[in-house]
Amino acid sequence: MGSDFSNLSQKLSEINSVVSNMLNQNHDFFDHALSISTQDFLGWVDSEKLISHFEEYSNIAKKYEFASYEKIFVIGMGGSSLGARVLIDNFLRNKKREVYFVDNYHPEFLRNLWENHAGSEIMFLVCSKSGNTLETLMIFEYFYQNVEQLNKNNSPGQSFIAITDQNSRLDSIAQSKNFAEIVYGVKEIGGRYSVLSCFGMFPALMSGVESSDLIESLIDCLVEFRESDYFLQCEQLIKFILEGLVNDEDKIFLDIDPQLSGFSEWIQQLIAESLGKNYKGIVPLIHNISLEVHNSNNLIFSLKQDSIFSYDVVKSPIGSIFEVQLSNNNDLISQLFVWEIVVASLGVLTGTNPFDQPDVQLSKNETNYFIESNEKIEILDNQISIDELIDCFENLDKNGYVGFLYFTNPQSNVPNLMNSLAYTLSLKFHIPIIQAIGPNYLHSLGQLFKGGPDNGTFIQFVSSNVGQDIQVPYQNFSFYDLMSAQVQGEHKILNLIDRNPLVVNLGNEPEKKLEKFIEKLKLAGF
């Protein structure tokens, strides 16, 4: 069953009030609307705070403008790194520093990264708003140990910069290990709303994006926002999505220009983690072939590049399309801000707290439990064959969606093969599929899967192929142990809330198994 938004039609008249009060940081308004205290949640709309904050961390980045490091490893999960990826991949950079985003701890992936780049000068940016993100801290320990062994006569901490809140666990670690810098976030800016703070902007500066380009775009966006077309776009986009919800369309397809790298994933996590709660939510789907075959009432957000900025709502045979054309980087920065406003406003209008993530925390708790207790649950008791998988799809509600949940080396061919499998099944059965690669999805889509509308079917693809495992430094568990704990924790939680996941066992040769699956589907005429 999808979300119940039957009472939303009356909310359409409140859009302007909600957006205006948000820009005014009217805490009393939002405290009343959400029945919470919002004192620590609206810093991301404070233009003075964002601009003065930029001046602080840009001065730190200037110290490294001519530093000799050739490569940057950005270590972080969810909103702590996705925003940085958008800025780094889409702004012109004046230096050819290679940037690697490390949001996966698969042993084979980590080992390959280190072995392929150990001979280079690397600056590691360790990003965690809370400073307590388990995966981020364990990945950091792995690289710190390797740097320490490589540079026995130097201070290994000088190759690391922490981006975190003051007095966090990561802050303490950074001080004790003599990090080169600690860049402090703004307390009132949450992780997934932090793209225009140091979590997005500082990695971009360190990668070679010009400070002047970023601050000019930031000022143009924030200072002129109320008088700009972006403000009107905000209101119209909220109205577009609300009207879809009133008409029982709780999915939005993100049709983003492939050249705008990372934007789809950033919007997807923002929507999923902010709104997927209390059995309600909007299911954000990154555009694929399923869009054309799903139904004629699709909600579609289209973002393309053109010579001038514009937006419009158009009707098409595949649904209603909110089209936006970007002309420059000012528009890009503004679209990030627009979507933060849109999603937070939708939370208020639908009675959902857009600033917490209760089921993400639940996953963290279960992971810690399985690691500390060494308890095992036999998730393969629920495994199905490829024939049973096909039967499952034949019986699915076409108004729902499917989540493919799996952990893998992101540099392997498994993600491509999973995309091929999803493409084939989605095309055949006219149902959209979300690809969710762990552990990163646990910090974004995982909130939607567990807290959102009960119209998802979840399939865990498990494999014992991790290559040579790696012991997590200073811990009594390995990275495979951590992976196993997170897979089991996710399985347990989904079962407890009656969203019983199915399991496909890919064994120790996942690529071969997937290739056989896909070939079998083709032979069956799919």
Protein backbone atom coordinates (compact mmCIF):
# COMPACT_ATOMS: atom_id res chain seq x y z
CA MET A 1 0.00 0.00 0.00
CA GLY A 2 1.34 3.44 -0.94
CA SER A 3 1.23 6.67 1.04
CA ASP A 4 -2.10 8.13 2.14
CA PHE A 5 -2.05 11.80 1.15
CA SER A 6 -5.82 12.17 0.72
CA ASN A 7 -5.94 15.34 2.84
CA LEU A 8 -3.25 17.26 0.96
CA SER A 9 -5.38 19.25 -1.49
CA GLN A 10 -6.01 21.91 1.19
CA LYS A 11 -2.26 22.30 1.67
CA LEU A 12 -1.72 23.74 -1.82
CA SER A 13 -2.73 27.18 -0.59
CA GLU A 14 -0.07 27.06 2.17
CA ILE A 15 2.98 26.65 -0.08
CA ASN A 16 3.98 30.32 -0.20
CA SER A 17 3.65 30.67 3.57
CA VAL A 18 5.81 27.60 4.24
CA VAL A 19 8.59 28.66 1.85
CA SER A 20 8.58 32.26 3.09
CA ASN A 21 8.70 31.21 6.74
CA MET A 22 11.54 28.82 5.97
CA LEU A 23 13.59 31.56 4.31
CA ASN A 24 12.83 33.76 7.33
CA GLN A 25 13.98 30.95 9.66
CA ASN A 26 10.75 31.32 11.59
CA HIS A 27 11.38 28.66 14.22
CA ASP A 28 8.06 29.24 15.95
CA PHE A 29 6.22 28.44 12.73
CA PHE A 30 8.08 25.17 12.19
CA ASP A 31 8.11 24.18 15.84
CA HIS A 32 4.32 24.32 15.73
CA ALA A 33 3.98 22.67 12.31
CA LEU A 34 6.29 19.74 13.13
CA SER A 35 5.81 19.55 16.93
CA ILE A 36 9.58 19.63 17.44
CA SER A 37 12.21 22.23 18.25
CA THR A 38 13.86 23.36 14.99
CA GLN A 39 16.55 25.56 16.59
CA ASP A 40 19.27 23.17 15.36
CA PHE A 41 17.88 22.48 11.87
CA LEU A 42 17.54 25.67 9.79
CA GLY A 43 21.13 26.92 9.57
CA TRP A 44 21.27 25.94 5.88
CA VAL A 45 18.89 28.81 4.95
CA ASP A 46 20.87 31.42 6.91
CA SER A 47 22.72 33.32 4.16
CA GLU A 48 24.93 35.30 6.55
CA LYS A 49 25.96 32.15 8.38
CA LEU A 50 26.73 30.23 5.16
CA ILE A 51 28.77 33.08 3.69
CA SER A 52 30.80 33.75 6.87
CA HIS A 53 31.28 29.99 7.25
CA PHE A 54 32.64 29.88 3.67
CA GLU A 55 35.19 32.56 4.49
CA GLU A 56 36.46 30.49 7.43
CA TYR A 57 37.04 27.21 5.63
CA SER A 58 38.13 28.78 2.32
CA ASN A 59 41.02 30.38 4.25
CA ILE A 60 42.03 26.90 5.38
CA ALA A 61 41.84 25.60 1.80
CA LYS A 62 44.05 28.46 0.56
CA LYS A 63 46.91 27.09 2.66
CA TYR A 64 46.92 24.02 0.41
CA GLU A 65 46.49 25.79 -2.93
CA PHE A 66 50.07 25.04 -3.95
CA ALA A 67 50.55 21.89 -1.87
CA SER A 68 52.20 18.96 -3.59
CA TYR A 69 49.50 16.34 -3.07
CA GLU A 70 48.30 14.84 -6.35
CA LYS A 71 45.21 12.99 -5.21
CA ILE A 72 42.31 13.38 -2.79
CA PHE A 73 40.37 10.58 -1.12
CA VAL A 74 37.00 11.80 0.15
CA ILE A 75 35.87 9.36 2.86
CA GLY A 76 32.21 9.70 3.84
CA MET A 77 28.72 8.24 3.68
CA GLY A 78 25.45 9.64 2.34
CA GLY A 79 25.03 13.39 2.55
CA SER A 80 28.56 13.81 3.92
CA SER A 81 30.02 13.07 0.48
CA LEU A 82 27.27 13.11 -2.18
CA GLY A 83 27.08 16.90 -2.26
CA ALA A 84 30.84 17.23 -2.64
CA ARG A 85 30.68 14.86 -5.60
CA VAL A 86 28.16 17.12 -7.39
CA LEU A 87 30.34 20.20 -6.96
CA ILE A 88 33.65 18.52 -7.81
CA ASP A 89 32.31 16.74 -10.88
CA ASN A 90 30.49 19.76 -12.33
CA PHE A 91 32.58 22.84 -11.53
CA LEU A 92 35.68 23.67 -13.56
CA ARG A 93 38.81 22.80 -11.60
CA ASN A 94 42.09 24.64 -12.17
CA LYS A 95 44.24 21.76 -10.92
CA LYS A 96 44.39 18.20 -12.17
CA ARG A 97 44.15 16.60 -8.75
CA GLU A 98 42.48 13.25 -9.00
CA VAL A 99 39.55 12.79 -6.61
CA TYR A 100 38.33 9.41 -5.34
CA PHE A 101 35.16 9.04 -3.31
CA VAL A 102 35.47 6.28 -0.74
CA ASP A 103 31.95 5.38 0.38
CA ASN A 104 32.45 1.62 0.33
CA TYR A 105 34.59 -0.66 2.50
CA HIS A 106 34.55 -3.80 0.35
CA PRO A 107 37.99 -5.35 1.09
CA GLU A 108 38.89 -5.75 -2.58
CA PHE A 109 37.94 -2.12 -3.29
CA LEU A 110 39.98 -0.73 -0.39
CA ARG A 111 43.01 -2.86 -1.18
CA ASN A 112 42.98 -1.90 -4.86
CA LEU A 113 42.67 1.79 -4.00
CA TRP A 114 45.67 1.70 -1.70
CA GLU A 115 47.88 -0.51 -3.84
CA ASN A 116 47.19 1.57 -6.97
CA HIS A 117 47.84 4.94 -5.32
CA ALA A 118 50.20 4.34 -2.40
CA GLY A 119 53.08 5.80 -4.39
CA SER A 120 51.29 9.14 -4.80
CA GLU A 121 50.91 12.03 -2.40
CA ILE A 122 47.35 11.74 -1.10
CA MET A 123 45.28 14.07 1.06
CA PHE A 124 42.51 12.21 2.88
CA LEU A 125 39.34 14.16 3.73
CA VAL A 126 37.43 12.32 6.46
CA CYS A 127 33.84 13.58 6.44
CA SER A 128 31.23 12.86 9.11
CA LYS A 129 28.75 15.39 10.47
CA SER A 130 28.12 13.37 13.63
CA GLY A 131 31.75 12.25 13.78
CA ASN A 132 30.49 8.83 14.75
CA THR A 133 29.73 7.17 11.39
CA LEU A 134 31.04 3.63 11.83
CA GLU A 135 31.96 2.92 8.20
CA THR A 136 33.73 6.26 7.78
CA LEU A 137 35.81 5.74 10.93
CA MET A 138 36.75 2.16 10.00
CA ILE A 139 37.81 3.17 6.48
CA PHE A 140 39.84 6.01 7.98
CA GLU A 141 41.62 3.56 10.33
CA TYR A 142 42.53 1.35 7.37
CA PHE A 143 44.17 4.18 5.43
CA TYR A 144 45.75 5.73 8.52
CA GLN A 145 47.46 2.44 9.36
CA ASN A 146 48.79 2.14 5.81
CA VAL A 147 50.06 5.73 5.75
CA GLU A 148 51.66 5.17 9.16
CA GLN A 149 53.50 2.06 7.94
CA LEU A 150 54.59 3.82 4.75
CA ASN A 151 55.88 6.98 6.47
CA LYS A 152 57.41 5.67 9.66
CA ASN A 153 59.50 8.77 10.31
CA ASN A 154 56.75 11.34 9.62
CA SER A 155 53.46 12.21 11.27
CA PRO A 156 50.80 10.22 9.40
CA GLY A 157 48.07 12.56 10.67
CA GLN A 158 49.41 15.33 8.40
CA SER A 159 47.92 13.47 5.43
CA PHE A 160 44.41 13.78 6.90
CA ILE A 161 41.84 16.55 7.29
CA ALA A 162 38.65 16.02 9.29
CA ILE A 163 35.34 17.67 8.36
CA THR A 164 33.02 17.25 11.32
CA ASP A 165 31.16 19.01 14.11
CA GLN A 166 33.03 20.30 17.13
CA ASN A 167 33.39 17.90 20.08
CA SER A 168 32.48 14.87 17.97
CA ARG A 169 34.29 11.55 18.16
CA LEU A 170 36.05 12.32 14.86
CA ASP A 171 37.13 15.69 16.28
CA SER A 172 38.76 13.87 19.22
CA ILE A 173 40.46 11.37 16.91
CA ALA A 174 41.75 14.16 14.66
CA GLN A 175 43.24 16.04 17.60
CA SER A 176 44.84 12.95 19.12
CA LYS A 177 46.39 11.91 15.80
CA ASN A 178 47.56 15.41 14.90
CA PHE A 179 45.53 15.85 11.69
CA ALA A 180 46.69 18.57 9.34
CA GLU A 181 43.40 20.42 9.83
CA ILE A 182 39.99 20.10 11.43
CA VAL A 183 37.21 21.88 9.53
CA TYR A 184 34.19 22.36 11.75
CA GLY A 185 30.65 22.23 10.44
CA VAL A 186 27.81 24.47 11.54
CA LYS A 187 25.81 22.82 14.31
CA GLU A 188 22.48 23.98 12.86
CA ILE A 189 23.09 22.36 9.45
CA GLY A 190 22.18 18.68 9.15
CA GLY A 191 24.17 16.22 7.05
CA ARG A 192 21.91 15.94 4.01
CA TYR A 193 21.30 19.72 3.98
CA SER A 194 25.02 20.45 4.15
CA VAL A 195 26.02 20.63 0.48
CA LEU A 196 26.47 24.43 0.58
CA SER A 197 28.47 24.24 3.81
CA CYS A 198 31.97 22.88 4.40
CA PHE A 199 30.88 19.29 3.70
CA GLY A 200 30.28 20.08 0.03
CA MET A 201 32.32 23.21 -0.55
CA PHE A 202 35.60 22.44 1.26
CA PRO A 203 36.34 19.22 -0.71
CA ALA A 204 35.53 21.17 -3.89
CA LEU A 205 38.03 23.89 -2.93
CA MET A 206 40.69 21.30 -2.10
CA SER A 207 40.13 19.63 -5.47
CA GLY A 208 40.93 22.84 -7.34
CA VAL A 209 37.55 24.56 -7.81
CA GLU A 210 38.15 28.31 -7.68
CA SER A 211 37.08 29.96 -4.44
CA SER A 212 35.74 32.94 -6.39
CA ASP A 213 33.51 30.70 -8.52
CA LEU A 214 31.94 29.11 -5.45
CA ILE A 215 31.44 32.23 -3.34
CA GLU A 216 30.02 34.25 -6.25
CA SER A 217 27.55 31.47 -7.03
CA LEU A 218 26.68 31.13 -3.34
CA ILE A 219 26.06 34.85 -2.88
CA ASP A 220 24.06 35.14 -6.10
CA CYS A 221 21.88 32.24 -4.97
CA LEU A 222 21.28 33.20 -1.34
CA VAL A 223 21.15 36.99 -1.38
CA GLU A 224 18.95 37.34 -4.45
CA PHE A 225 16.84 34.21 -3.93
CA ARG A 226 13.55 35.84 -2.91
CA GLU A 227 13.54 38.09 -5.99
CA SER A 228 14.69 35.40 -8.39
CA ASP A 229 13.01 32.90 -10.68
CA TYR A 230 14.37 30.20 -8.38
CA PHE A 231 11.91 31.25 -5.64
CA LEU A 232 9.03 30.89 -8.09
CA GLN A 233 10.44 27.56 -9.26
CA CYS A 234 10.45 26.38 -5.63
CA GLU A 235 6.76 27.10 -5.22
CA GLN A 236 5.83 25.58 -8.56
CA LEU A 237 7.88 22.43 -7.98
CA ILE A 238 6.30 21.90 -4.55
CA LYS A 239 2.85 22.39 -6.11
CA PHE A 240 3.74 19.94 -8.90
CA ILE A 241 4.73 17.21 -6.44
CA LEU A 242 1.84 17.88 -4.02
CA GLU A 243 -0.71 17.62 -6.84
CA GLY A 244 0.84 14.31 -7.80
CA LEU A 245 0.52 13.05 -4.23
CA VAL A 246 -3.12 14.14 -4.10
CA ASN A 247 -3.63 11.97 -7.20
CA ASP A 248 -1.94 8.97 -5.53
CA GLU A 249 1.31 9.27 -7.49
CA ASP A 250 3.97 8.84 -4.79
CA LYS A 251 6.91 8.31 -7.14
CA ILE A 252 9.03 10.87 -8.92
CA PHE A 253 11.39 9.95 -11.75
CA LEU A 254 14.64 11.94 -11.88
CA ASP A 255 15.59 12.51 -15.51
CA ILE A 256 18.90 14.34 -15.08
CA ASP A 257 21.36 15.20 -17.84
CA PRO A 258 24.17 12.59 -17.54
CA GLN A 259 26.70 15.44 -17.76
CA LEU A 260 25.40 16.72 -14.41
CA SER A 261 27.23 13.95 -12.61
CA GLY A 262 26.04 12.94 -9.17
CA PHE A 263 22.96 15.18 -9.12
CA SER A 264 20.46 12.31 -9.39
CA GLU A 265 21.99 10.44 -6.46
CA TRP A 266 22.12 13.60 -4.34
CA ILE A 267 18.42 14.42 -4.91
CA GLN A 268 17.47 10.78 -4.38
CA GLN A 269 19.09 10.57 -0.94
CA LEU A 270 17.68 13.97 0.07
CA ILE A 271 14.10 12.93 -0.75
CA ALA A 272 14.39 9.38 0.59
CA GLU A 273 15.98 10.19 3.93
CA SER A 274 13.97 13.35 4.59
CA LEU A 275 10.46 12.17 3.69
CA GLY A 276 10.39 8.35 3.99
CA LYS A 277 8.81 8.08 7.43
CA ASN A 278 5.60 7.08 9.21
CA TYR A 279 4.58 4.83 6.30
CA LYS A 280 4.54 7.87 4.02
CA GLY A 281 7.00 9.28 1.56
CA ILE A 282 7.93 9.94 -2.03
CA VAL A 283 9.83 7.23 -3.90
CA PRO A 284 12.65 8.88 -5.94
CA LEU A 285 13.61 6.82 -8.99
CA ILE A 286 16.61 7.56 -11.16
CA HIS A 287 15.41 7.57 -14.75
CA ASN A 288 15.70 4.35 -16.73
CA ILE A 289 13.64 2.43 -19.27
CA SER A 290 10.95 1.72 -16.66
CA LEU A 291 9.80 5.32 -17.04
CA GLU A 292 8.37 4.66 -20.49
CA VAL A 293 6.61 1.47 -19.48
CA HIS A 294 5.38 2.26 -15.97
CA ASN A 295 2.20 4.30 -16.59
CA SER A 296 0.97 7.51 -18.18
CA ASN A 297 0.67 9.39 -14.86
CA ASN A 298 4.37 9.57 -14.02
CA LEU A 299 5.78 12.57 -12.16
CA ILE A 300 9.06 13.44 -13.84
CA PHE A 301 11.68 16.02 -12.88
CA SER A 302 13.89 16.81 -15.86
CA LEU A 303 17.14 18.76 -15.48
CA LYS A 304 19.11 19.66 -18.61
CA GLN A 305 21.71 22.20 -19.72
CA ASP A 306 20.90 25.06 -22.10
CA SER A 307 21.95 28.62 -22.88
CA ILE A 308 19.48 30.28 -20.47
CA PHE A 309 17.77 29.29 -17.23
CA SER A 310 14.12 28.33 -17.55
CA TYR A 311 11.49 26.01 -16.10
CA ASP A 312 8.10 24.79 -17.20
CA VAL A 313 5.56 22.04 -16.63
CA VAL A 314 4.63 20.05 -19.72
CA LYS A 315 2.34 17.11 -20.36
CA SER A 316 3.55 14.13 -22.34
CA PRO A 317 2.36 10.60 -23.13
CA ILE A 318 4.51 9.31 -20.26
CA GLY A 319 3.30 11.77 -17.64
CA SER A 320 3.74 15.29 -16.24
CA ILE A 321 7.25 16.70 -16.62
CA PHE A 322 8.73 19.54 -14.58
CA GLU A 323 11.46 20.72 -16.94
CA VAL A 324 14.39 22.85 -15.78
CA GLN A 325 17.15 24.20 -18.02
CA LEU A 326 20.44 25.30 -16.45
CA SER A 327 22.76 27.80 -18.08
CA ASN A 328 25.72 28.10 -15.68
CA ASN A 329 27.19 27.19 -12.30
CA ASN A 330 25.07 29.81 -10.54
CA ASP A 331 22.06 27.81 -11.66
CA LEU A 332 23.66 24.60 -10.40
CA ILE A 333 24.24 26.00 -6.89
CA SER A 334 20.72 27.40 -6.91
CA GLN A 335 19.20 24.04 -7.87
CA LEU A 336 20.88 22.45 -4.86
CA PHE A 337 19.33 25.12 -2.65
CA VAL A 338 15.96 24.86 -4.43
CA TRP A 339 15.77 21.14 -3.75
CA GLU A 340 16.68 21.60 -0.08
CA ILE A 341 13.82 24.12 0.24
CA VAL A 342 11.42 21.91 -1.74
CA VAL A 343 12.08 18.75 0.27
CA ALA A 344 12.00 20.45 3.67
CA SER A 345 8.76 22.25 2.70
CA LEU A 346 7.18 19.00 1.54
CA GLY A 347 8.02 17.55 4.94
CA VAL A 348 6.15 20.35 6.68
CA LEU A 349 3.17 20.13 4.30
CA THR A 350 2.86 16.34 4.68
CA GLY A 351 3.36 16.37 8.45
CA THR A 352 6.76 14.65 8.24
CA ASN A 353 9.86 15.76 10.13
CA PRO A 354 12.37 16.27 7.28
CA PHE A 355 15.34 16.62 9.61
CA ASP A 356 15.56 13.26 11.39
CA GLN A 357 16.34 9.70 10.21
CA PRO A 358 15.04 7.26 12.85
CA ASP A 359 15.37 4.11 10.76
CA VAL A 360 18.93 4.93 9.71
CA GLN A 361 19.78 4.98 13.40
CA LEU A 362 17.93 1.68 13.84
CA SER A 363 20.20 0.10 11.22
CA LYS A 364 23.27 1.43 13.03
CA ASN A 365 22.03 -0.08 16.28
CA GLU A 366 21.47 -3.50 14.71
CA THR A 367 24.91 -3.42 13.06
CA ASN A 368 26.53 -2.72 16.42
CA TYR A 369 24.50 -5.52 18.01
CA PHE A 370 25.58 -8.15 15.47
CA ILE A 371 29.23 -7.07 15.66
CA GLU A 372 29.37 -7.07 19.46
CA SER A 373 27.29 -10.21 20.06
CA ASN A 374 28.74 -12.35 17.22
CA GLU A 375 25.17 -13.61 16.75
CA LYS A 376 24.30 -14.96 13.30
CA ILE A 377 20.95 -15.30 11.61
CA GLU A 378 20.56 -17.60 8.63
CA ILE A 379 19.18 -15.25 6.00
CA LEU A 380 19.65 -17.90 3.30
CA ASP A 381 16.57 -19.63 4.72
CA ASN A 382 14.64 -17.13 2.59
CA GLN A 383 16.66 -17.54 -0.59
CA ILE A 384 14.92 -17.93 -3.95
CA SER A 385 16.01 -19.17 -7.37
CA ILE A 386 15.91 -17.16 -10.59
CA ASP A 387 12.66 -18.92 -11.55
CA GLU A 388 11.15 -17.92 -8.21
CA LEU A 389 12.40 -14.38 -8.76
CA ILE A 390 10.51 -14.26 -12.07
CA ASP A 391 7.38 -15.64 -10.37
CA CYS A 392 7.74 -12.95 -7.73
CA PHE A 393 7.78 -10.19 -10.37
CA GLU A 394 4.74 -11.65 -12.11
CA ASN A 395 2.72 -11.28 -8.92
CA LEU A 396 3.84 -7.79 -7.93
CA ASP A 397 1.53 -4.79 -7.64
CA LYS A 398 2.42 -2.59 -10.61
CA ASN A 399 1.88 0.50 -8.44
CA GLY A 400 4.77 -0.51 -6.20
CA TYR A 401 8.50 -0.61 -6.67
CA VAL A 402 11.38 -3.05 -6.13
CA GLY A 403 14.63 -2.47 -4.27
CA PHE A 404 17.75 -4.43 -5.22
CA LEU A 405 19.90 -4.40 -2.05
CA TYR A 406 23.50 -5.58 -2.25
CA PHE A 407 27.09 -5.05 -1.15
CA THR A 408 29.84 -5.29 -3.74
CA ASN A 409 33.13 -3.88 -4.95
CA PRO A 410 31.90 -0.80 -6.89
CA GLN A 411 34.79 -1.18 -9.34
CA SER A 412 33.71 -4.71 -10.29
CA ASN A 413 31.26 -5.56 -13.06
CA VAL A 414 28.53 -6.45 -10.55
CA PRO A 415 26.83 -3.00 -10.61
CA ASN A 416 26.66 -3.09 -14.42
CA LEU A 417 25.22 -6.60 -14.37
CA MET A 418 22.70 -5.62 -11.69
CA ASN A 419 21.65 -2.71 -13.89
CA SER A 420 21.18 -5.10 -16.81
CA LEU A 421 19.10 -7.43 -14.66
CA ALA A 422 16.97 -4.54 -13.39
CA TYR A 423 16.55 -3.19 -16.92
CA THR A 424 15.36 -6.54 -18.22
CA LEU A 425 12.90 -7.20 -15.39
CA SER A 426 11.60 -3.63 -15.31
CA LEU A 427 10.97 -3.63 -19.04
CA LYS A 428 9.17 -6.96 -18.90
CA PHE A 429 7.01 -6.37 -15.82
CA HIS A 430 6.49 -2.61 -15.97
CA ILE A 431 7.68 -1.92 -12.45
CA PRO A 432 10.48 0.45 -11.39
CA ILE A 433 13.57 -0.85 -9.61
CA ILE A 434 15.90 1.04 -7.28
CA GLN A 435 19.54 -0.04 -7.13
CA ALA A 436 20.82 0.20 -3.54
CA ILE A 437 24.53 -0.52 -3.02
CA GLY A 438 25.68 -0.94 0.57
CA PRO A 439 26.83 0.40 2.83
CA ASN A 440 26.01 3.83 1.39
CA TYR A 441 22.30 3.16 0.82
CA LEU A 442 21.86 2.50 4.55
CA HIS A 443 22.47 6.24 5.05
CA SER A 444 19.88 7.39 2.53
CA LEU A 445 17.51 4.98 0.76
CA GLY A 446 17.47 2.74 3.82
CA GLN A 447 15.25 5.27 5.62
CA LEU A 448 12.68 5.10 2.81
CA PHE A 449 12.79 1.30 2.62
CA LYS A 450 12.01 0.91 6.31
CA GLY A 451 10.00 4.04 7.13
CA GLY A 452 8.31 4.94 3.84
CA PRO A 453 5.18 3.69 2.08
CA ASP A 454 4.57 -0.05 2.30
CA ASN A 455 4.61 -0.68 -1.44
CA GLY A 456 8.19 -1.85 -1.88
CA THR A 457 9.48 -5.36 -2.48
CA PHE A 458 13.06 -5.87 -1.31
CA ILE A 459 15.51 -8.40 -2.66
CA GLN A 460 18.86 -8.87 -0.96
CA PHE A 461 21.56 -10.21 -3.28
CA VAL A 462 24.25 -11.78 -1.11
CA SER A 463 27.69 -13.05 -1.97
CA SER A 464 30.62 -14.56 -0.11
CA ASN A 465 33.11 -13.17 -2.64
CA VAL A 466 35.13 -10.41 -0.99
CA GLY A 467 38.57 -11.44 -2.16
CA GLN A 468 41.10 -11.44 0.67
CA ASP A 469 39.44 -10.05 3.78
CA ILE A 470 40.98 -7.18 5.78
CA GLN A 471 41.03 -6.93 9.55
CA VAL A 472 39.76 -3.53 10.70
CA PRO A 473 42.68 -1.89 12.55
CA TYR A 474 42.38 -1.88 16.34
CA GLN A 475 39.09 -3.85 16.20
CA ASN A 476 38.20 -7.49 16.78
CA PHE A 477 36.31 -7.75 13.48
CA SER A 478 37.10 -7.61 9.77
CA PHE A 479 35.48 -5.63 6.97
CA TYR A 480 33.67 -8.79 5.88
CA ASP A 481 32.37 -9.16 9.45
CA LEU A 482 31.09 -5.58 9.26
CA MET A 483 29.43 -6.29 5.92
CA SER A 484 27.83 -9.45 7.26
CA ALA A 485 26.53 -7.57 10.32
CA GLN A 486 24.95 -4.90 8.14
CA VAL A 487 23.34 -7.42 5.78
CA GLN A 488 21.94 -9.36 8.72
CA GLY A 489 20.79 -6.23 10.50
CA GLU A 490 18.93 -5.02 7.42
CA HIS A 491 17.32 -8.43 6.95
CA LYS A 492 16.22 -8.56 10.58
CA ILE A 493 14.70 -5.05 10.59
CA LEU A 494 12.80 -5.53 7.33
CA ASN A 495 11.36 -8.78 8.70
CA LEU A 496 10.38 -7.18 12.01
CA ILE A 497 8.30 -4.55 10.19
CA ASP A 498 6.73 -7.13 7.83
CA ARG A 499 8.61 -5.96 4.74
CA ASN A 500 10.00 -9.45 4.42
CA PRO A 501 13.00 -9.36 2.09
CA LEU A 502 13.72 -12.13 -0.39
CA VAL A 503 17.29 -13.36 -0.77
CA VAL A 504 19.17 -14.31 -3.93
CA ASN A 505 22.43 -16.12 -3.21
CA LEU A 506 25.14 -15.17 -5.74
CA GLY A 507 27.69 -17.47 -4.10
CA ASN A 508 31.41 -16.84 -4.46
CA GLU A 509 31.26 -15.95 -8.17
CA PRO A 510 28.59 -13.23 -8.33
CA GLU A 511 29.48 -11.99 -11.81
CA LYS A 512 29.15 -15.45 -13.36
CA LYS A 513 25.90 -16.08 -11.50
CA LEU A 514 24.40 -12.80 -12.68
CA GLU A 515 25.52 -13.42 -16.25
CA LYS A 516 23.72 -16.78 -16.14
CA PHE A 517 20.59 -15.13 -14.72
CA ILE A 518 20.55 -12.56 -17.51
CA GLU A 519 21.23 -15.16 -20.22
CA LYS A 520 18.41 -17.33 -18.89
CA LEU A 521 16.02 -14.39 -19.05
CA LYS A 522 17.03 -13.67 -22.65
CA LEU A 523 16.49 -17.30 -23.63
CA ALA A 524 13.05 -17.09 -22.05
CA GLY A 525 12.22 -14.23 -24.41
CA PHE A 526 12.63 -11.34 -21.98
